[in-house]
């Protein structure tokens, strides 16, 4: 009885059945793809370098005694545009090809007792969770080194997280509507017409 109660409590915390299996599959595929992990590390390294440059910017702002009103406005714009640019790169490399890379296992997805919409939402939750966590960490680092009031800092984080969710949903939606089952190379998939459309839409959103 105790074991059953423990199992019930565990199933409430983490979904069981096909949903859990698909989430575990996404995590295993991401962890075992060394090429994707290298790309993730490379993009993250560049983003952290940009965060370090924000420290230099904050130092120059303090030295030249620039008006806080001008500083806050310029900083918020720069941070949002930079965040959209990097998130576009992450989504284009990892989220947009999420359905196209199922080329060899697409029969498993369609034969599983889960409808296509649920597979979409499982993938969205998986990637949104990762990118939201990443965005919170880097957003906090950026706002820590830049002189922003507390209210503006909270607004910047909120707007940025909304951008993360929007770009993730946009990339995954285009990838689900126009899957490329001819290749599983994300580099090739991202240069197709739907990938170019995603780039244009995401950069327009940032602008």
N, C-alpha and C. Protein backbone atom coordinates (compact mmCIF):
# COMPACT_ATOMS: atom_id res chain seq x y z
N UNK A 1 0.83 -1.19 0.00
CA UNK A 1 0.00 0.00 0.00
C UNK A 1 0.87 1.25 0.00
N UNK A 2 1.93 1.24 0.82
CA UNK A 2 2.83 2.38 0.87
C UNK A 2 3.50 2.62 -0.46
N UNK A 3 3.87 1.52 -1.12
CA UNK A 3 4.51 1.64 -2.42
C UNK A 3 3.56 2.24 -3.45
N UNK A 4 2.27 1.79 -3.39
CA UNK A 4 1.30 2.34 -4.33
C UNK A 4 1.07 3.82 -4.08
N UNK A 5 1.03 4.20 -2.81
CA UNK A 5 0.86 5.62 -2.50
C UNK A 5 2.03 6.43 -3.00
N UNK A 6 3.25 5.86 -2.86
CA UNK A 6 4.43 6.55 -3.36
C UNK A 6 4.37 6.71 -4.87
N UNK A 7 3.90 5.65 -5.55
CA UNK A 7 3.80 5.71 -7.01
C UNK A 7 2.76 6.75 -7.43
N UNK A 8 1.64 6.81 -6.68
CA UNK A 8 0.64 7.81 -7.03
C UNK A 8 1.19 9.22 -6.83
N UNK A 9 1.90 9.43 -5.71
CA UNK A 9 2.49 10.74 -5.48
C UNK A 9 3.51 11.10 -6.53
N UNK A 10 4.29 10.12 -6.97
CA UNK A 10 5.30 10.37 -8.01
C UNK A 10 4.65 10.70 -9.33
N UNK A 11 3.53 10.05 -9.65
CA UNK A 11 2.87 10.31 -10.93
C UNK A 11 2.26 11.70 -10.96
N UNK A 12 1.91 12.25 -9.78
CA UNK A 12 1.37 13.60 -9.75
C UNK A 12 2.46 14.62 -10.06
N UNK A 13 3.67 14.37 -9.52
CA UNK A 13 4.78 15.29 -9.73
C UNK A 13 5.27 15.23 -11.16
N UNK A 14 5.41 14.04 -11.70
CA UNK A 14 5.93 13.87 -13.06
C UNK A 14 4.98 12.99 -13.84
N UNK A 15 4.57 13.39 -15.05
CA UNK A 15 3.58 12.61 -15.81
C UNK A 15 4.06 11.20 -16.11
N UNK A 16 3.13 10.28 -16.17
CA UNK A 16 3.45 8.88 -16.44
C UNK A 16 2.84 8.49 -17.78
N UNK A 17 3.18 7.27 -18.23
CA UNK A 17 2.61 6.77 -19.47
C UNK A 17 3.30 7.33 -20.70
N UNK A 18 2.55 7.48 -21.80
CA UNK A 18 3.13 7.96 -23.07
C UNK A 18 3.75 9.35 -22.95
N UNK A 19 3.15 10.22 -22.14
CA UNK A 19 3.70 11.57 -21.98
C UNK A 19 5.09 11.52 -21.38
N UNK A 20 5.24 10.73 -20.35
CA UNK A 20 6.55 10.59 -19.72
C UNK A 20 7.55 9.97 -20.68
N UNK A 21 7.12 8.97 -21.43
CA UNK A 21 8.01 8.31 -22.37
C UNK A 21 8.52 9.28 -23.44
N UNK A 22 7.63 10.15 -23.94
CA UNK A 22 8.03 11.11 -24.95
C UNK A 22 8.97 12.17 -24.39
N UNK A 23 8.71 12.60 -23.16
CA UNK A 23 9.61 13.57 -22.53
C UNK A 23 10.99 12.97 -22.31
N UNK A 24 11.03 11.73 -21.85
CA UNK A 24 12.32 11.05 -21.64
C UNK A 24 13.03 10.88 -22.98
N UNK A 25 12.27 10.55 -24.03
CA UNK A 25 12.87 10.40 -25.36
C UNK A 25 13.51 11.69 -25.83
N UNK A 26 12.84 12.82 -25.63
CA UNK A 26 13.39 14.11 -26.03
C UNK A 26 14.68 14.40 -25.26
N UNK A 27 14.67 14.11 -23.96
CA UNK A 27 15.86 14.37 -23.14
C UNK A 27 17.03 13.47 -23.56
N UNK A 28 16.76 12.20 -23.84
CA UNK A 28 17.82 11.28 -24.24
C UNK A 28 18.39 11.65 -25.60
N UNK A 29 17.53 12.02 -26.54
CA UNK A 29 18.01 12.42 -27.86
C UNK A 29 18.88 13.66 -27.77
N UNK A 30 18.49 14.60 -26.92
CA UNK A 30 19.28 15.83 -26.77
C UNK A 30 20.62 15.54 -26.09
N UNK A 31 20.62 14.64 -25.10
CA UNK A 31 21.85 14.36 -24.36
C UNK A 31 22.84 13.52 -25.17
N UNK A 32 22.33 12.69 -26.07
CA UNK A 32 23.21 11.79 -26.82
C UNK A 32 23.70 12.37 -28.14
N UNK A 33 23.19 13.53 -28.52
CA UNK A 33 23.61 14.16 -29.77
C UNK A 33 24.77 15.10 -29.47
N UNK A 34 25.99 14.59 -29.62
CA UNK A 34 27.17 15.38 -29.27
C UNK A 34 27.31 16.63 -30.14
N UNK A 35 26.92 16.51 -31.41
CA UNK A 35 27.01 17.67 -32.30
C UNK A 35 26.10 18.80 -31.84
N UNK A 36 24.88 18.46 -31.44
CA UNK A 36 23.96 19.48 -30.95
C UNK A 36 24.44 20.08 -29.64
N UNK A 37 25.02 19.25 -28.78
CA UNK A 37 25.55 19.76 -27.52
C UNK A 37 26.70 20.74 -27.75
N UNK A 38 27.55 20.44 -28.74
CA UNK A 38 28.63 21.37 -29.08
C UNK A 38 28.08 22.69 -29.60
N UNK A 39 27.06 22.62 -30.44
CA UNK A 39 26.43 23.84 -30.93
C UNK A 39 25.81 24.63 -29.79
N UNK A 40 25.16 23.93 -28.88
CA UNK A 40 24.55 24.60 -27.72
C UNK A 40 25.61 25.31 -26.90
N UNK A 41 26.72 24.62 -26.65
CA UNK A 41 27.81 25.23 -25.89
C UNK A 41 28.42 26.41 -26.61
N UNK A 42 28.55 26.31 -27.93
CA UNK A 42 29.13 27.40 -28.71
C UNK A 42 28.25 28.65 -28.66
N UNK A 43 26.95 28.48 -28.89
CA UNK A 43 26.04 29.62 -28.84
C UNK A 43 25.97 30.21 -27.43
N UNK A 44 25.99 29.34 -26.43
CA UNK A 44 25.95 29.82 -25.05
C UNK A 44 27.22 30.60 -24.72
N UNK A 45 28.37 30.15 -25.22
CA UNK A 45 29.63 30.85 -24.98
C UNK A 45 29.60 32.26 -25.58
N UNK A 46 29.08 32.37 -26.80
CA UNK A 46 29.00 33.69 -27.44
C UNK A 46 28.06 34.60 -26.65
N UNK A 47 26.95 34.05 -26.18
CA UNK A 47 26.00 34.85 -25.40
C UNK A 47 26.64 35.32 -24.09
N UNK A 48 27.40 34.46 -23.46
CA UNK A 48 28.08 34.85 -22.22
C UNK A 48 29.16 35.90 -22.49
N UNK A 49 29.80 35.82 -23.65
CA UNK A 49 30.76 36.86 -24.03
C UNK A 49 30.05 38.20 -24.18
N UNK A 50 28.87 38.19 -24.76
CA UNK A 50 28.11 39.43 -24.87
C UNK A 50 27.73 39.96 -23.49
N UNK A 51 27.42 39.06 -22.56
CA UNK A 51 27.12 39.48 -21.19
C UNK A 51 28.34 40.13 -20.54
N UNK A 52 29.52 39.58 -20.80
CA UNK A 52 30.75 40.19 -20.28
C UNK A 52 30.97 41.58 -20.85
N UNK A 53 30.62 41.77 -22.13
CA UNK A 53 30.74 43.09 -22.74
C UNK A 53 29.78 44.09 -22.08
N UNK A 54 28.66 43.59 -21.56
CA UNK A 54 27.75 44.48 -20.84
C UNK A 54 28.42 45.05 -19.59
N UNK A 55 29.31 44.27 -18.99
CA UNK A 55 30.06 44.79 -17.85
C UNK A 55 30.93 45.97 -18.24
N UNK A 56 31.55 45.88 -19.42
CA UNK A 56 32.35 47.01 -19.92
C UNK A 56 31.46 48.21 -20.19
N UNK A 57 30.27 47.95 -20.75
CA UNK A 57 29.32 49.03 -21.01
C UNK A 57 28.89 49.72 -19.72
N UNK A 58 28.61 48.93 -18.70
CA UNK A 58 28.21 49.50 -17.41
C UNK A 58 29.33 50.33 -16.81
N UNK A 59 30.57 49.90 -16.99
CA UNK A 59 31.72 50.65 -16.47
C UNK A 59 31.84 52.00 -17.17
N UNK A 60 31.65 52.02 -18.48
CA UNK A 60 31.74 53.28 -19.23
C UNK A 60 30.58 54.22 -18.88
N UNK A 61 29.40 53.65 -18.64
CA UNK A 61 28.26 54.47 -18.23
C UNK A 61 28.55 55.17 -16.92
N UNK A 62 29.14 54.44 -16.00
CA UNK A 62 29.48 55.04 -14.70
C UNK A 62 30.57 56.10 -14.84
N UNK A 63 31.54 55.87 -15.71
CA UNK A 63 32.65 56.82 -15.87
C UNK A 63 32.19 58.14 -16.49
N UNK A 64 31.30 58.05 -17.50
CA UNK A 64 30.89 59.25 -18.22
C UNK A 64 29.63 59.89 -17.64
N UNK A 65 29.09 59.32 -16.59
CA UNK A 65 27.96 59.91 -15.87
C UNK A 65 26.80 60.24 -16.82
N UNK A 66 26.36 59.24 -17.58
CA UNK A 66 25.27 59.41 -18.53
C UNK A 66 23.93 59.43 -17.78
N UNK A 67 22.97 60.16 -18.31
CA UNK A 67 21.66 60.29 -17.67
C UNK A 67 21.02 58.91 -17.48
N UNK A 68 20.50 58.63 -16.28
CA UNK A 68 19.88 57.32 -16.02
C UNK A 68 18.68 57.04 -16.92
N UNK A 69 17.94 58.08 -17.32
CA UNK A 69 16.79 57.87 -18.20
C UNK A 69 17.23 57.34 -19.55
N UNK A 70 18.25 57.99 -20.12
CA UNK A 70 18.77 57.55 -21.41
C UNK A 70 19.39 56.17 -21.29
N UNK A 71 20.13 55.95 -20.21
CA UNK A 71 20.79 54.66 -20.00
C UNK A 71 19.78 53.52 -19.92
N UNK A 72 18.70 53.72 -19.16
CA UNK A 72 17.70 52.66 -19.00
C UNK A 72 17.02 52.33 -20.32
N UNK A 73 16.66 53.36 -21.09
CA UNK A 73 15.97 53.12 -22.36
C UNK A 73 16.87 52.38 -23.34
N UNK A 74 18.11 52.86 -23.50
CA UNK A 74 19.04 52.23 -24.44
C UNK A 74 19.37 50.81 -24.01
N UNK A 75 19.57 50.62 -22.70
CA UNK A 75 19.93 49.30 -22.19
C UNK A 75 18.81 48.29 -22.42
N UNK A 76 17.57 48.70 -22.17
CA UNK A 76 16.44 47.79 -22.37
C UNK A 76 16.31 47.38 -23.84
N UNK A 77 16.44 48.35 -24.72
CA UNK A 77 16.34 48.04 -26.15
C UNK A 77 17.45 47.09 -26.58
N UNK A 78 18.68 47.37 -26.16
CA UNK A 78 19.82 46.53 -26.53
C UNK A 78 19.66 45.12 -25.99
N UNK A 79 19.20 45.03 -24.75
CA UNK A 79 19.04 43.71 -24.14
C UNK A 79 17.97 42.89 -24.85
N UNK A 80 16.85 43.54 -25.19
CA UNK A 80 15.77 42.81 -25.85
C UNK A 80 16.19 42.34 -27.24
N UNK A 81 16.80 43.23 -28.02
CA UNK A 81 17.22 42.86 -29.37
C UNK A 81 18.26 41.75 -29.32
N UNK A 82 19.21 41.86 -28.40
CA UNK A 82 20.24 40.83 -28.27
C UNK A 82 19.63 39.49 -27.86
N UNK A 83 18.69 39.52 -26.92
CA UNK A 83 18.03 38.29 -26.47
C UNK A 83 17.26 37.64 -27.61
N UNK A 84 16.54 38.45 -28.40
CA UNK A 84 15.78 37.90 -29.52
C UNK A 84 16.72 37.28 -30.55
N UNK A 85 17.85 37.95 -30.79
CA UNK A 85 18.81 37.43 -31.77
C UNK A 85 19.35 36.06 -31.34
N UNK A 86 19.78 35.94 -30.08
CA UNK A 86 20.33 34.67 -29.62
C UNK A 86 19.27 33.60 -29.50
N UNK A 87 18.07 33.98 -29.05
CA UNK A 87 17.01 32.98 -28.96
C UNK A 87 16.60 32.50 -30.35
N UNK A 88 16.64 33.40 -31.33
CA UNK A 88 16.36 32.99 -32.71
C UNK A 88 17.38 31.95 -33.16
N UNK A 89 18.65 32.15 -32.80
CA UNK A 89 19.68 31.18 -33.16
C UNK A 89 19.45 29.83 -32.47
N UNK A 90 19.10 29.86 -31.18
CA UNK A 90 18.85 28.62 -30.45
C UNK A 90 17.63 27.88 -31.01
N UNK A 91 16.55 28.61 -31.23
CA UNK A 91 15.31 27.99 -31.71
C UNK A 91 15.51 27.43 -33.12
N UNK A 92 16.20 28.20 -33.96
CA UNK A 92 16.43 27.74 -35.33
C UNK A 92 17.26 26.48 -35.37
N UNK A 93 18.19 26.35 -34.44
CA UNK A 93 19.10 25.19 -34.43
C UNK A 93 18.50 23.96 -33.76
N UNK A 94 17.65 24.17 -32.74
CA UNK A 94 17.18 23.04 -31.95
C UNK A 94 15.67 22.82 -32.03
N UNK A 95 14.87 23.87 -31.99
CA UNK A 95 13.42 23.71 -31.91
C UNK A 95 12.79 23.54 -33.29
N UNK A 96 13.17 24.38 -34.23
CA UNK A 96 12.58 24.32 -35.56
C UNK A 96 12.75 22.94 -36.22
N UNK A 97 13.90 22.26 -36.09
CA UNK A 97 14.03 20.93 -36.72
C UNK A 97 13.48 19.79 -35.86
N UNK A 98 12.77 20.09 -34.76
CA UNK A 98 12.36 19.05 -33.82
C UNK A 98 11.51 17.97 -34.46
N UNK A 99 10.65 18.33 -35.40
CA UNK A 99 9.82 17.33 -36.07
C UNK A 99 10.53 16.74 -37.28
N UNK A 100 11.35 17.53 -37.93
CA UNK A 100 12.07 17.02 -39.11
C UNK A 100 13.10 15.97 -38.73
N UNK A 101 13.71 16.09 -37.55
CA UNK A 101 14.72 15.13 -37.14
C UNK A 101 14.11 13.80 -36.71
N UNK A 102 12.78 13.71 -36.68
CA UNK A 102 12.10 12.44 -36.37
C UNK A 102 11.98 11.58 -37.63
N UNK A 103 12.77 11.88 -38.65
CA UNK A 103 12.65 11.20 -39.95
C UNK A 103 12.71 9.68 -39.81
N UNK A 104 13.59 9.17 -38.97
CA UNK A 104 13.76 7.72 -38.84
C UNK A 104 12.79 7.10 -37.85
N UNK A 105 12.23 7.92 -36.97
CA UNK A 105 11.35 7.37 -35.93
C UNK A 105 9.94 7.92 -36.03
N UNK A 106 9.60 8.50 -37.20
CA UNK A 106 8.28 9.09 -37.33
C UNK A 106 7.17 8.04 -37.19
N UNK A 107 7.46 6.81 -37.59
CA UNK A 107 6.45 5.76 -37.47
C UNK A 107 6.16 5.44 -36.01
N UNK A 108 7.16 5.63 -35.13
CA UNK A 108 6.92 5.39 -33.70
C UNK A 108 5.97 6.43 -33.14
N UNK A 109 6.17 7.69 -33.54
CA UNK A 109 5.31 8.76 -33.04
C UNK A 109 3.87 8.57 -33.49
N UNK A 110 3.68 8.22 -34.76
CA UNK A 110 2.33 8.09 -35.27
C UNK A 110 1.65 6.80 -34.79
N UNK A 111 2.45 5.81 -34.37
CA UNK A 111 1.85 4.58 -33.86
C UNK A 111 1.66 4.62 -32.35
N UNK A 112 2.21 5.65 -31.69
CA UNK A 112 2.05 5.76 -30.24
C UNK A 112 0.63 6.19 -29.90
N UNK A 113 0.15 5.81 -28.70
CA UNK A 113 -1.22 6.19 -28.30
C UNK A 113 -1.31 7.65 -27.85
N UNK A 114 -0.73 8.54 -28.62
CA UNK A 114 -0.75 9.97 -28.32
C UNK A 114 -1.03 10.70 -29.63
N UNK A 115 -1.95 11.66 -29.62
CA UNK A 115 -2.26 12.36 -30.86
C UNK A 115 -1.16 13.39 -31.18
N UNK A 116 -1.21 13.88 -32.40
CA UNK A 116 -0.17 14.77 -32.90
C UNK A 116 -0.10 16.06 -32.10
N UNK A 117 -1.25 16.57 -31.66
CA UNK A 117 -1.26 17.81 -30.88
C UNK A 117 -0.55 17.64 -29.54
N UNK A 118 -0.73 16.47 -28.94
CA UNK A 118 -0.08 16.24 -27.65
C UNK A 118 1.44 16.12 -27.83
N UNK A 119 1.88 15.52 -28.92
CA UNK A 119 3.31 15.45 -29.21
C UNK A 119 3.86 16.87 -29.36
N UNK A 120 3.10 17.73 -30.03
CA UNK A 120 3.53 19.13 -30.19
C UNK A 120 3.69 19.79 -28.83
N UNK A 121 2.71 19.64 -27.96
CA UNK A 121 2.78 20.30 -26.66
C UNK A 121 3.88 19.72 -25.78
N UNK A 122 4.13 18.44 -25.91
CA UNK A 122 5.23 17.84 -25.14
C UNK A 122 6.56 18.43 -25.57
N UNK A 123 6.77 18.54 -26.88
CA UNK A 123 8.00 19.15 -27.38
C UNK A 123 8.09 20.61 -26.96
N UNK A 124 6.97 21.31 -27.01
CA UNK A 124 6.98 22.72 -26.62
C UNK A 124 7.35 22.87 -25.15
N UNK A 125 6.76 22.07 -24.29
CA UNK A 125 7.06 22.15 -22.85
C UNK A 125 8.54 21.83 -22.60
N UNK A 126 9.05 20.82 -23.30
CA UNK A 126 10.44 20.41 -23.12
C UNK A 126 11.40 21.56 -23.47
N UNK A 127 11.24 22.13 -24.66
CA UNK A 127 12.15 23.18 -25.10
C UNK A 127 11.89 24.50 -24.37
N UNK A 128 10.64 24.81 -24.09
CA UNK A 128 10.34 26.05 -23.38
C UNK A 128 10.94 26.03 -21.98
N UNK A 129 10.89 24.88 -21.31
CA UNK A 129 11.47 24.77 -19.98
C UNK A 129 12.97 25.03 -20.01
N UNK A 130 13.66 24.45 -20.99
CA UNK A 130 15.11 24.62 -21.10
C UNK A 130 15.45 26.08 -21.39
N UNK A 131 14.77 26.68 -22.37
CA UNK A 131 15.12 28.04 -22.77
C UNK A 131 14.67 29.08 -21.76
N UNK A 132 13.58 28.82 -21.04
CA UNK A 132 13.18 29.74 -19.97
C UNK A 132 14.20 29.73 -18.84
N UNK A 133 14.68 28.55 -18.49
CA UNK A 133 15.71 28.46 -17.45
C UNK A 133 16.99 29.15 -17.90
N UNK A 134 17.38 28.92 -19.15
CA UNK A 134 18.56 29.58 -19.69
C UNK A 134 18.38 31.09 -19.73
N UNK A 135 17.18 31.53 -20.14
CA UNK A 135 16.91 32.96 -20.22
C UNK A 135 16.92 33.63 -18.86
N UNK A 136 16.40 32.95 -17.84
CA UNK A 136 16.41 33.53 -16.50
C UNK A 136 17.83 33.73 -16.00
N UNK A 137 18.68 32.74 -16.23
CA UNK A 137 20.07 32.84 -15.76
C UNK A 137 20.81 33.97 -16.47
N UNK A 138 20.77 33.98 -17.80
CA UNK A 138 21.52 34.99 -18.54
C UNK A 138 20.86 36.36 -18.38
N UNK A 139 19.54 36.42 -18.32
CA UNK A 139 18.87 37.69 -18.07
C UNK A 139 19.26 38.28 -16.73
N UNK A 140 19.36 37.43 -15.72
CA UNK A 140 19.79 37.91 -14.41
C UNK A 140 21.23 38.41 -14.46
N UNK A 141 22.10 37.70 -15.16
CA UNK A 141 23.50 38.14 -15.27
C UNK A 141 23.60 39.48 -15.97
N UNK A 142 22.82 39.66 -17.05
CA UNK A 142 22.84 40.93 -17.77
C UNK A 142 22.35 42.08 -16.90
N UNK A 143 21.26 41.85 -16.19
CA UNK A 143 20.70 42.91 -15.36
C UNK A 143 21.53 43.15 -14.11
N UNK A 144 22.32 42.18 -13.73
CA UNK A 144 23.19 42.34 -12.56
C UNK A 144 24.35 43.30 -12.86
N UNK A 145 24.88 43.23 -14.09
CA UNK A 145 26.03 44.06 -14.43
C UNK A 145 25.62 45.43 -14.97
N UNK A 146 24.34 45.59 -15.37
CA UNK A 146 23.90 46.86 -15.93
C UNK A 146 23.08 47.63 -14.89
N UNK A 147 23.23 48.95 -14.88
CA UNK A 147 22.52 49.77 -13.88
C UNK A 147 21.06 50.01 -14.27
N UNK A 148 20.18 49.13 -13.80
CA UNK A 148 18.75 49.28 -14.06
C UNK A 148 17.99 49.29 -12.74
N UNK A 149 16.98 50.18 -12.59
CA UNK A 149 16.15 50.14 -11.39
C UNK A 149 15.40 48.82 -11.27
N UNK A 150 14.95 48.53 -10.06
CA UNK A 150 14.30 47.25 -9.81
C UNK A 150 13.05 47.01 -10.64
N UNK A 151 12.20 48.06 -10.78
CA UNK A 151 10.97 47.90 -11.56
C UNK A 151 11.27 47.63 -13.02
N UNK A 152 12.24 48.36 -13.59
CA UNK A 152 12.59 48.15 -14.99
C UNK A 152 13.24 46.78 -15.19
N UNK A 153 14.02 46.36 -14.21
CA UNK A 153 14.66 45.05 -14.32
C UNK A 153 13.61 43.94 -14.35
N UNK A 154 12.59 44.06 -13.50
CA UNK A 154 11.51 43.07 -13.51
C UNK A 154 10.72 43.09 -14.80
N UNK A 155 10.48 44.29 -15.33
CA UNK A 155 9.79 44.40 -16.61
C UNK A 155 10.61 43.77 -17.73
N UNK A 156 11.91 44.02 -17.71
CA UNK A 156 12.78 43.47 -18.75
C UNK A 156 12.77 41.94 -18.73
N UNK A 157 12.83 41.36 -17.53
CA UNK A 157 12.80 39.90 -17.41
C UNK A 157 11.46 39.35 -17.91
N UNK A 158 10.35 40.01 -17.54
CA UNK A 158 9.04 39.53 -17.96
C UNK A 158 8.86 39.59 -19.47
N UNK A 159 9.26 40.72 -20.08
CA UNK A 159 9.15 40.85 -21.53
C UNK A 159 10.04 39.84 -22.22
N UNK A 160 11.23 39.62 -21.66
CA UNK A 160 12.17 38.68 -22.28
C UNK A 160 11.63 37.26 -22.23
N UNK A 161 11.03 36.85 -21.12
CA UNK A 161 10.49 35.50 -21.02
C UNK A 161 9.31 35.32 -21.98
N UNK A 162 8.51 36.36 -22.16
CA UNK A 162 7.43 36.29 -23.16
C UNK A 162 8.01 36.09 -24.56
N UNK A 163 9.13 36.76 -24.84
CA UNK A 163 9.78 36.60 -26.14
C UNK A 163 10.29 35.17 -26.33
N UNK A 164 10.82 34.59 -25.26
CA UNK A 164 11.30 33.21 -25.33
C UNK A 164 10.15 32.26 -25.68
N UNK A 165 9.02 32.41 -25.00
CA UNK A 165 7.87 31.55 -25.27
C UNK A 165 7.35 31.75 -26.69
N UNK A 166 7.29 33.01 -27.13
CA UNK A 166 6.78 33.27 -28.47
C UNK A 166 7.68 32.67 -29.55
N UNK A 167 8.99 32.87 -29.42
CA UNK A 167 9.91 32.36 -30.44
C UNK A 167 9.93 30.84 -30.44
N UNK A 168 9.85 30.23 -29.26
CA UNK A 168 9.81 28.77 -29.19
C UNK A 168 8.55 28.23 -29.86
N UNK A 169 7.40 28.85 -29.58
CA UNK A 169 6.15 28.42 -30.19
C UNK A 169 6.17 28.65 -31.70
N UNK A 170 6.73 29.78 -32.13
CA UNK A 170 6.78 30.09 -33.57
C UNK A 170 7.66 29.08 -34.30
N UNK A 171 8.85 28.82 -33.78
CA UNK A 171 9.75 27.88 -34.43
C UNK A 171 9.19 26.47 -34.47
N UNK A 172 8.60 26.03 -33.36
CA UNK A 172 8.05 24.67 -33.32
C UNK A 172 6.83 24.55 -34.22
N UNK A 173 6.02 25.60 -34.30
CA UNK A 173 4.82 25.56 -35.15
C UNK A 173 5.21 25.46 -36.62
N UNK A 174 6.16 26.28 -37.06
CA UNK A 174 6.59 26.21 -38.45
C UNK A 174 7.23 24.87 -38.76
N UNK A 175 8.00 24.33 -37.78
CA UNK A 175 8.61 23.03 -37.98
C UNK A 175 7.60 21.91 -38.06
N UNK A 176 6.50 22.04 -37.30
CA UNK A 176 5.45 21.01 -37.34
C UNK A 176 4.60 21.11 -38.59
N UNK A 177 4.37 22.33 -39.07
CA UNK A 177 3.56 22.52 -40.27
C UNK A 177 4.32 22.14 -41.54
N UNK A 178 5.64 22.37 -41.54
CA UNK A 178 6.44 22.11 -42.74
C UNK A 178 7.65 21.24 -42.39
N UNK A 179 7.41 19.99 -41.96
CA UNK A 179 8.54 19.11 -41.62
C UNK A 179 9.32 18.70 -42.87
N UNK A 180 10.61 18.59 -42.72
CA UNK A 180 11.48 18.14 -43.81
C UNK A 180 11.91 16.72 -43.49
N UNK A 181 11.33 15.74 -44.17
CA UNK A 181 11.63 14.34 -43.91
C UNK A 181 12.70 13.79 -44.85
N UNK A 182 13.36 14.68 -45.61
CA UNK A 182 14.41 14.23 -46.53
C UNK A 182 15.77 14.22 -45.87
N UNK A 183 15.97 15.01 -44.82
CA UNK A 183 17.25 15.07 -44.13
C UNK A 183 17.01 15.31 -42.66
N UNK A 184 17.95 14.87 -41.84
CA UNK A 184 17.88 15.10 -40.39
C UNK A 184 18.95 16.07 -39.93
N UNK A 185 19.62 16.74 -40.87
CA UNK A 185 20.68 17.69 -40.54
C UNK A 185 20.04 19.04 -40.20
N UNK A 186 20.13 19.51 -38.95
CA UNK A 186 19.52 20.80 -38.60
C UNK A 186 20.10 21.97 -39.39
N UNK A 187 21.39 21.87 -39.77
CA UNK A 187 21.99 22.94 -40.55
C UNK A 187 21.34 23.10 -41.90
N UNK A 188 20.98 21.99 -42.52
CA UNK A 188 20.30 22.03 -43.82
C UNK A 188 18.84 22.44 -43.64
N UNK A 189 18.19 21.91 -42.62
CA UNK A 189 16.78 22.20 -42.39
C UNK A 189 16.57 23.69 -42.12
N UNK A 190 17.49 24.31 -41.42
CA UNK A 190 17.33 25.73 -41.07
C UNK A 190 17.47 26.65 -42.26
N UNK A 191 18.03 26.15 -43.37
CA UNK A 191 18.20 27.00 -44.56
C UNK A 191 17.09 26.78 -45.59
N UNK A 192 16.08 25.99 -45.24
CA UNK A 192 14.94 25.80 -46.14
C UNK A 192 14.04 27.04 -46.09
N UNK A 193 13.06 27.09 -46.97
CA UNK A 193 12.16 28.24 -47.02
C UNK A 193 11.44 28.49 -45.69
N UNK A 194 10.89 27.45 -45.00
CA UNK A 194 10.27 27.72 -43.69
C UNK A 194 11.28 28.26 -42.68
N UNK A 195 12.52 27.80 -42.75
CA UNK A 195 13.54 28.33 -41.84
C UNK A 195 13.82 29.79 -42.11
N UNK A 196 13.90 30.16 -43.37
CA UNK A 196 14.13 31.57 -43.71
C UNK A 196 12.94 32.43 -43.29
N UNK A 197 11.73 31.88 -43.44
CA UNK A 197 10.53 32.60 -42.98
C UNK A 197 10.59 32.82 -41.47
N UNK A 198 11.03 31.80 -40.73
CA UNK A 198 11.16 31.95 -39.28
C UNK A 198 12.17 33.04 -38.93
N UNK A 199 13.30 33.08 -39.63
CA UNK A 199 14.31 34.11 -39.36
C UNK A 199 13.72 35.50 -39.58
N UNK A 200 13.02 35.68 -40.70
CA UNK A 200 12.44 36.98 -41.01
C UNK A 200 11.39 37.39 -39.97
N UNK A 201 10.52 36.44 -39.60
CA UNK A 201 9.48 36.75 -38.62
C UNK A 201 10.07 37.05 -37.25
N UNK A 202 11.05 36.28 -36.81
CA UNK A 202 11.62 36.48 -35.48
C UNK A 202 12.40 37.79 -35.39
N UNK A 203 13.18 38.12 -36.45
CA UNK A 203 13.92 39.38 -36.43
C UNK A 203 12.97 40.57 -36.56
N UNK A 204 11.87 40.41 -37.31
CA UNK A 204 10.86 41.46 -37.37
C UNK A 204 10.21 41.66 -36.01
N UNK A 205 9.97 40.57 -35.31
CA UNK A 205 9.41 40.64 -33.95
C UNK A 205 10.36 41.39 -33.03
N UNK A 206 11.64 41.10 -33.12
CA UNK A 206 12.61 41.82 -32.31
C UNK A 206 12.68 43.30 -32.65
N UNK A 207 12.58 43.61 -33.93
CA UNK A 207 12.61 45.02 -34.36
C UNK A 207 11.39 45.77 -33.86
